[in-house]
Protein backbone atom coordinates (compact mmCIF):
# COMPACT_ATOMS: atom_id res chain seq x y z
CA MET A 1 -21.43 -60.76 26.66
CA ASP A 2 -19.25 -58.75 24.22
CA GLY A 3 -17.94 -56.80 27.21
CA LYS A 4 -21.32 -55.69 28.95
CA TYR A 5 -20.33 -56.60 32.51
CA ALA A 6 -18.05 -55.75 35.37
CA ALA A 7 -16.87 -57.78 38.08
CA LEU A 8 -15.62 -55.75 41.13
CA CYS A 9 -14.71 -57.79 44.36
CA CYS A 10 -16.40 -55.88 46.82
CA GLU A 11 -16.67 -56.76 51.52
CA ASP A 12 -18.21 -60.15 51.16
CA LEU A 13 -19.50 -60.23 48.04
CA VAL A 14 -18.75 -59.91 44.00
CA ALA A 15 -20.65 -57.52 42.08
CA ILE A 16 -21.53 -57.42 38.76
CA ILE A 17 -21.86 -54.23 37.31
CA SER A 18 -23.66 -52.98 33.83
CA LEU A 19 -21.22 -51.46 31.20
CA SER A 20 -23.87 -49.90 29.63
CA ASN A 21 -26.24 -47.77 32.59
CA SER A 22 -23.49 -48.67 35.49
CA LYS A 23 -26.15 -49.80 37.38
CA LEU A 24 -25.94 -53.22 39.73
CA VAL A 25 -27.50 -55.61 38.13
CA GLY A 26 -26.68 -58.90 40.86
CA SER A 27 -24.18 -60.35 43.24
CA LEU A 28 -22.07 -63.59 44.32
CA ILE A 29 -21.49 -64.86 47.71
CA GLU A 30 -19.39 -67.29 49.02
CA HIS A 31 -21.22 -66.98 52.82
CA GLY A 32 -18.86 -66.35 55.86
CA ALA A 33 -15.61 -65.73 52.63
CA GLN A 34 -14.25 -62.57 51.14
CA PRO A 35 -13.75 -62.73 47.51
CA GLN A 36 -10.16 -61.61 46.55
CA ALA A 37 -9.99 -62.14 42.67
CA VAL A 38 -12.50 -63.17 39.83
CA SER A 39 -11.92 -63.41 36.43
CA PHE A 40 -14.43 -63.64 33.60
CA SER A 41 -13.72 -66.75 31.05
CA ASP A 42 -12.23 -65.94 27.68
CA ASP A 43 -15.69 -66.36 26.29
CA ASP A 44 -17.18 -64.26 29.06
CA GLU A 45 -20.12 -67.46 29.24
CA PHE A 46 -18.58 -68.09 32.92
CA ILE A 47 -17.25 -66.04 35.94
CA VAL A 48 -14.88 -67.60 38.18
CA SER A 49 -14.33 -66.52 41.71
CA GLY A 50 -11.84 -66.89 44.14
CA PHE A 51 -12.29 -66.60 48.17
CA ASP A 52 -10.06 -66.39 51.41
CA ASN A 53 -11.64 -69.45 52.58
CA GLY A 54 -9.51 -71.62 49.19
CA VAL A 55 -13.01 -72.10 47.66
CA LEU A 56 -13.22 -71.38 44.07
CA CYS A 57 -16.56 -70.63 41.99
CA VAL A 58 -17.74 -70.79 38.50
CA TRP A 59 -21.01 -68.93 37.69
CA LYS A 60 -23.33 -68.80 34.84
CA MET A 61 -23.95 -65.56 32.26
CA PRO A 62 -25.96 -64.27 33.04
CA SER A 63 -27.95 -66.26 35.28
CA LEU A 64 -25.63 -66.06 37.35
CA LYS A 65 -26.46 -69.16 38.27
CA LEU A 66 -23.55 -71.41 40.56
CA VAL A 67 -22.78 -73.95 38.28
CA GLU A 68 -18.99 -75.25 40.07
CA ARG A 69 -17.55 -74.99 43.89
CA LYS A 70 -13.82 -76.39 44.83
CA LYS A 71 -12.50 -76.01 48.41
CA LEU A 72 -8.83 -75.94 46.84
CA ALA A 73 -6.97 -74.69 50.28
CA ASN A 74 -6.93 -74.15 53.71
CA ARG A 75 -5.49 -70.43 52.59
CA GLY A 76 -7.26 -67.72 50.49
CA ILE A 77 -6.97 -67.25 46.89
CA GLU A 78 -5.04 -64.14 45.65
CA THR A 79 -5.16 -64.53 42.28
CA LEU A 80 -6.72 -66.15 39.08
CA SER A 81 -7.08 -66.49 35.38
CA VAL A 82 -8.73 -68.24 33.43
CA ASN A 83 -7.98 -69.52 29.20
CA GLY A 84 -10.96 -72.09 27.98
CA SER A 85 -11.29 -74.64 30.83
CA ARG A 86 -7.98 -73.82 32.72
CA CYS A 87 -8.03 -71.89 35.50
CA ALA A 88 -4.52 -70.35 36.53
CA VAL A 89 -4.75 -69.83 40.76
CA GLY A 90 -2.65 -68.19 43.13
CA PHE A 91 -2.13 -68.80 46.90
CA GLY A 92 0.13 -66.27 48.80
CA HIS A 93 1.11 -62.20 47.97
CA ASP A 94 4.77 -62.76 47.13
CA CYS A 95 4.32 -62.41 42.96
CA TYR A 96 6.43 -62.26 40.01
CA SER A 97 5.92 -60.98 36.72
CA ILE A 98 6.24 -62.84 33.29
CA ASP A 99 5.21 -60.69 30.18
CA ASP A 100 3.17 -58.30 32.67
CA PHE A 101 0.53 -60.58 34.39
CA TRP A 102 2.03 -60.97 37.92
CA TYR A 103 1.78 -64.85 39.71
CA PRO A 104 2.90 -65.64 43.33
CA ILE A 105 5.86 -67.31 43.78
CA GLU A 106 5.58 -71.14 44.66
CA THR A 107 1.97 -71.62 44.08
CA LEU A 108 0.29 -70.98 41.36
CA THR A 109 -1.72 -73.67 40.16
CA VAL A 110 -3.34 -74.18 37.27
CA TYR A 111 -7.02 -76.09 37.48
CA GLU A 112 -9.17 -78.13 34.83
CA LEU A 113 -12.47 -76.76 35.27
CA GLU A 114 -15.48 -78.59 35.27
CA TYR A 115 -18.10 -77.06 34.37
CA PRO A 116 -20.16 -79.27 31.57
CA ASN A 117 -19.83 -78.35 27.65
CA GLU A 118 -23.84 -78.06 27.52
CA MET A 119 -23.55 -74.80 29.52
CA ARG A 120 -21.71 -73.30 26.90
CA ALA A 121 -24.01 -71.48 24.26
CA SER A 122 -23.98 -73.26 21.08
């Protein structure tokens, strides 16, 4: 995607915005939940979103097809970061900083994402 899109957490959806024309190109919804964190994969092929109901979703770009949904906890996902097929997920509000990245205290967990390799561009 090469920085073509931005993702914003709104009231009940994640808005995907085109950076070339500032128009809404799509939205991501986890029914009955509010998004609290969103991140693009490092290759920009996926968007990972975390919701206040503890659900983590992985969406394929640019189709915005849901490819993975996991209930991780009974509390909200406050922060997340994606690196390759790994996703660091934080729960709670207390944070500390390492090299300018913020992580929740005692609640940072790394999950292996399961989106299949065949979904990645060749």
